[in-house]
Amino acid sequence: MGGIGPLEIGLILVIVLLVFGGKKLKSLGSDLGHAIKGFRSSMGTEQSADASESSSPDSGEPTQKSSD
């Protein structure tokens, strides 16, 4: 009762290979890789856009420093 062992994982992989076929699994893996790469790049551009917005002042008015 220790969870999934190597025999069970191998059996699952064989069943998945039989159901989907080799070419379909290769294309699914490729599509998944492209999706992850696109997600990461969009998250990176979103974070850099957030950083540039936070560095600029919220209001369009210039701030004045008091020389007390």
N, C-alpha and C. Protein backbone atom coordinates (compact mmCIF):
# COMPACT_ATOMS: atom_id res chain seq x y z
N MET A 1 0.82 -1.18 0.00
CA MET A 1 0.00 0.00 0.00
C MET A 1 0.87 1.25 0.00
N GLY A 2 1.98 1.21 -0.74
CA GLY A 2 2.91 2.32 -0.74
C GLY A 2 2.76 3.24 -1.93
N GLY A 3 1.62 3.24 -2.59
CA GLY A 3 1.43 4.17 -3.70
C GLY A 3 1.70 3.50 -5.03
N ILE A 4 2.08 4.28 -6.00
CA ILE A 4 2.30 3.77 -7.35
C ILE A 4 3.78 3.39 -7.50
N GLY A 5 4.01 2.18 -7.92
CA GLY A 5 5.37 1.69 -8.12
C GLY A 5 5.77 1.78 -9.58
N PRO A 6 7.00 1.37 -9.89
CA PRO A 6 7.48 1.43 -11.27
C PRO A 6 6.70 0.53 -12.22
N LEU A 7 6.20 -0.60 -11.73
CA LEU A 7 5.42 -1.50 -12.58
C LEU A 7 4.11 -0.83 -13.01
N GLU A 8 3.44 -0.16 -12.09
CA GLU A 8 2.19 0.51 -12.41
C GLU A 8 2.42 1.68 -13.37
N ILE A 9 3.49 2.43 -13.17
CA ILE A 9 3.80 3.55 -14.06
C ILE A 9 4.08 3.05 -15.46
N GLY A 10 4.84 1.96 -15.58
CA GLY A 10 5.12 1.36 -16.89
C GLY A 10 3.85 0.89 -17.58
N LEU A 11 2.96 0.28 -16.83
CA LEU A 11 1.70 -0.19 -17.40
C LEU A 11 0.86 0.99 -17.89
N ILE A 12 0.81 2.06 -17.13
CA ILE A 12 0.06 3.26 -17.55
C ILE A 12 0.66 3.85 -18.82
N LEU A 13 1.98 3.91 -18.90
CA LEU A 13 2.64 4.45 -20.09
C LEU A 13 2.36 3.60 -21.33
N VAL A 14 2.36 2.29 -21.17
CA VAL A 14 2.06 1.40 -22.29
C VAL A 14 0.62 1.60 -22.76
N ILE A 15 -0.31 1.73 -21.84
CA ILE A 15 -1.72 1.94 -22.22
C ILE A 15 -1.89 3.27 -22.93
N VAL A 16 -1.23 4.32 -22.44
CA VAL A 16 -1.31 5.63 -23.08
C VAL A 16 -0.72 5.57 -24.48
N LEU A 17 0.39 4.87 -24.64
CA LEU A 17 1.01 4.73 -25.96
C LEU A 17 0.09 3.99 -26.91
N LEU A 18 -0.59 2.95 -26.44
CA LEU A 18 -1.52 2.21 -27.28
C LEU A 18 -2.74 3.04 -27.66
N VAL A 19 -3.21 3.85 -26.74
CA VAL A 19 -4.42 4.64 -27.00
C VAL A 19 -4.12 5.77 -27.98
N PHE A 20 -3.05 6.52 -27.74
CA PHE A 20 -2.77 7.70 -28.56
C PHE A 20 -1.86 7.43 -29.75
N GLY A 21 -0.97 6.48 -29.65
CA GLY A 21 -0.02 6.23 -30.73
C GLY A 21 1.20 7.11 -30.60
N GLY A 22 2.30 6.70 -31.21
CA GLY A 22 3.58 7.40 -31.09
C GLY A 22 3.58 8.79 -31.70
N LYS A 23 3.03 8.92 -32.91
CA LYS A 23 3.05 10.22 -33.59
C LYS A 23 2.18 11.24 -32.85
N LYS A 24 1.05 10.78 -32.37
CA LYS A 24 0.14 11.70 -31.66
C LYS A 24 0.78 12.17 -30.36
N LEU A 25 1.48 11.27 -29.64
CA LEU A 25 2.15 11.68 -28.41
C LEU A 25 3.26 12.68 -28.69
N LYS A 26 3.98 12.47 -29.80
CA LYS A 26 5.06 13.40 -30.15
C LYS A 26 4.48 14.79 -30.46
N SER A 27 3.40 14.84 -31.20
CA SER A 27 2.80 16.14 -31.52
C SER A 27 2.18 16.78 -30.29
N LEU A 28 1.59 15.97 -29.39
CA LEU A 28 1.04 16.51 -28.15
C LEU A 28 2.15 17.11 -27.28
N GLY A 29 3.29 16.42 -27.20
CA GLY A 29 4.41 16.95 -26.43
C GLY A 29 4.95 18.24 -27.01
N SER A 30 5.03 18.29 -28.33
CA SER A 30 5.51 19.50 -28.99
C SER A 30 4.55 20.66 -28.76
N ASP A 31 3.27 20.40 -28.91
CA ASP A 31 2.27 21.45 -28.68
C ASP A 31 2.29 21.93 -27.24
N LEU A 32 2.46 21.00 -26.31
CA LEU A 32 2.52 21.37 -24.90
C LEU A 32 3.75 22.25 -24.63
N GLY A 33 4.89 21.90 -25.24
CA GLY A 33 6.09 22.70 -25.08
C GLY A 33 5.92 24.12 -25.62
N HIS A 34 5.29 24.25 -26.77
CA HIS A 34 5.05 25.58 -27.35
C HIS A 34 4.09 26.38 -26.47
N ALA A 35 3.08 25.71 -25.91
CA ALA A 35 2.13 26.41 -25.05
C ALA A 35 2.81 26.92 -23.78
N ILE A 36 3.67 26.09 -23.19
CA ILE A 36 4.38 26.50 -21.97
C ILE A 36 5.33 27.66 -22.28
N LYS A 37 6.02 27.58 -23.41
CA LYS A 37 6.94 28.65 -23.79
C LYS A 37 6.18 29.96 -24.01
N GLY A 38 5.04 29.90 -24.67
CA GLY A 38 4.23 31.09 -24.88
C GLY A 38 3.70 31.66 -23.58
N PHE A 39 3.30 30.78 -22.67
CA PHE A 39 2.80 31.23 -21.37
C PHE A 39 3.90 31.94 -20.59
N ARG A 40 5.09 31.35 -20.58
CA ARG A 40 6.21 31.97 -19.85
C ARG A 40 6.59 33.31 -20.44
N SER A 41 6.61 33.41 -21.78
CA SER A 41 6.98 34.68 -22.38
C SER A 41 5.92 35.74 -22.13
N SER A 42 4.65 35.35 -22.13
CA SER A 42 3.60 36.34 -21.85
C SER A 42 3.64 36.77 -20.39
N MET A 43 3.97 35.87 -19.49
CA MET A 43 4.10 36.24 -18.08
C MET A 43 5.29 37.17 -17.89
N GLY A 44 6.37 36.96 -18.63
CA GLY A 44 7.55 37.81 -18.52
C GLY A 44 7.26 39.22 -19.02
N THR A 45 6.55 39.34 -20.13
CA THR A 45 6.23 40.66 -20.65
C THR A 45 5.23 41.36 -19.75
N GLU A 46 4.32 40.61 -19.13
CA GLU A 46 3.36 41.21 -18.22
C GLU A 46 4.06 41.73 -16.97
N GLN A 47 5.02 40.98 -16.46
CA GLN A 47 5.75 41.41 -15.27
C GLN A 47 6.60 42.62 -15.57
N SER A 48 7.23 42.67 -16.75
CA SER A 48 8.05 43.83 -17.08
C SER A 48 7.16 45.06 -17.30
N ALA A 49 5.95 44.87 -17.83
CA ALA A 49 5.03 45.99 -18.00
C ALA A 49 4.56 46.50 -16.64
N ASP A 50 4.30 45.58 -15.71
CA ASP A 50 3.90 45.99 -14.37
C ASP A 50 5.02 46.75 -13.68
N ALA A 51 6.25 46.33 -13.86
CA ALA A 51 7.39 46.99 -13.23
C ALA A 51 7.57 48.40 -13.78
N SER A 52 7.38 48.57 -15.09
CA SER A 52 7.55 49.91 -15.67
C SER A 52 6.42 50.84 -15.25
N GLU A 53 5.21 50.29 -15.06
CA GLU A 53 4.10 51.12 -14.60
C GLU A 53 4.29 51.54 -13.16
N SER A 54 4.84 50.66 -12.33
CA SER A 54 5.00 50.99 -10.92
C SER A 54 6.15 51.97 -10.70
N SER A 55 7.08 52.06 -11.64
CA SER A 55 8.18 53.00 -11.47
C SER A 55 7.77 54.43 -11.82
N SER A 56 6.70 54.60 -12.60
CA SER A 56 6.23 55.93 -12.93
C SER A 56 5.20 56.38 -11.89
N PRO A 57 5.09 57.69 -11.64
CA PRO A 57 4.11 58.16 -10.66
C PRO A 57 2.69 57.88 -11.12
N ASP A 58 1.79 57.72 -10.16
CA ASP A 58 0.41 57.41 -10.49
C ASP A 58 -0.30 58.58 -11.16
N SER A 59 -0.09 59.77 -10.67
CA SER A 59 -0.73 60.94 -11.26
C SER A 59 0.20 61.55 -12.30
N GLY A 60 -0.39 62.27 -13.24
CA GLY A 60 0.40 62.90 -14.27
C GLY A 60 1.03 64.21 -13.83
N GLU A 61 0.75 64.64 -12.61
CA GLU A 61 1.27 65.91 -12.12
C GLU A 61 2.68 65.74 -11.58
N PRO A 62 3.56 66.72 -11.83
CA PRO A 62 4.90 66.63 -11.28
C PRO A 62 4.88 66.83 -9.76
N THR A 63 5.76 66.15 -9.09
CA THR A 63 5.83 66.28 -7.64
C THR A 63 6.81 67.39 -7.28
N GLN A 64 6.49 68.11 -6.20
CA GLN A 64 7.35 69.20 -5.75
C GLN A 64 7.97 68.82 -4.42
N LYS A 65 9.26 69.11 -4.29
CA LYS A 65 9.95 68.86 -3.03
C LYS A 65 10.01 70.15 -2.25
N SER A 66 9.76 70.06 -0.98
CA SER A 66 9.85 71.26 -0.15
C SER A 66 11.28 71.38 0.37
N SER A 67 11.80 72.59 0.40
CA SER A 67 13.16 72.81 0.87
C SER A 67 13.14 73.42 2.26
N ASP A 68 12.53 72.73 3.19
CA ASP A 68 12.44 73.23 4.58
C ASP A 68 13.70 73.01 5.33
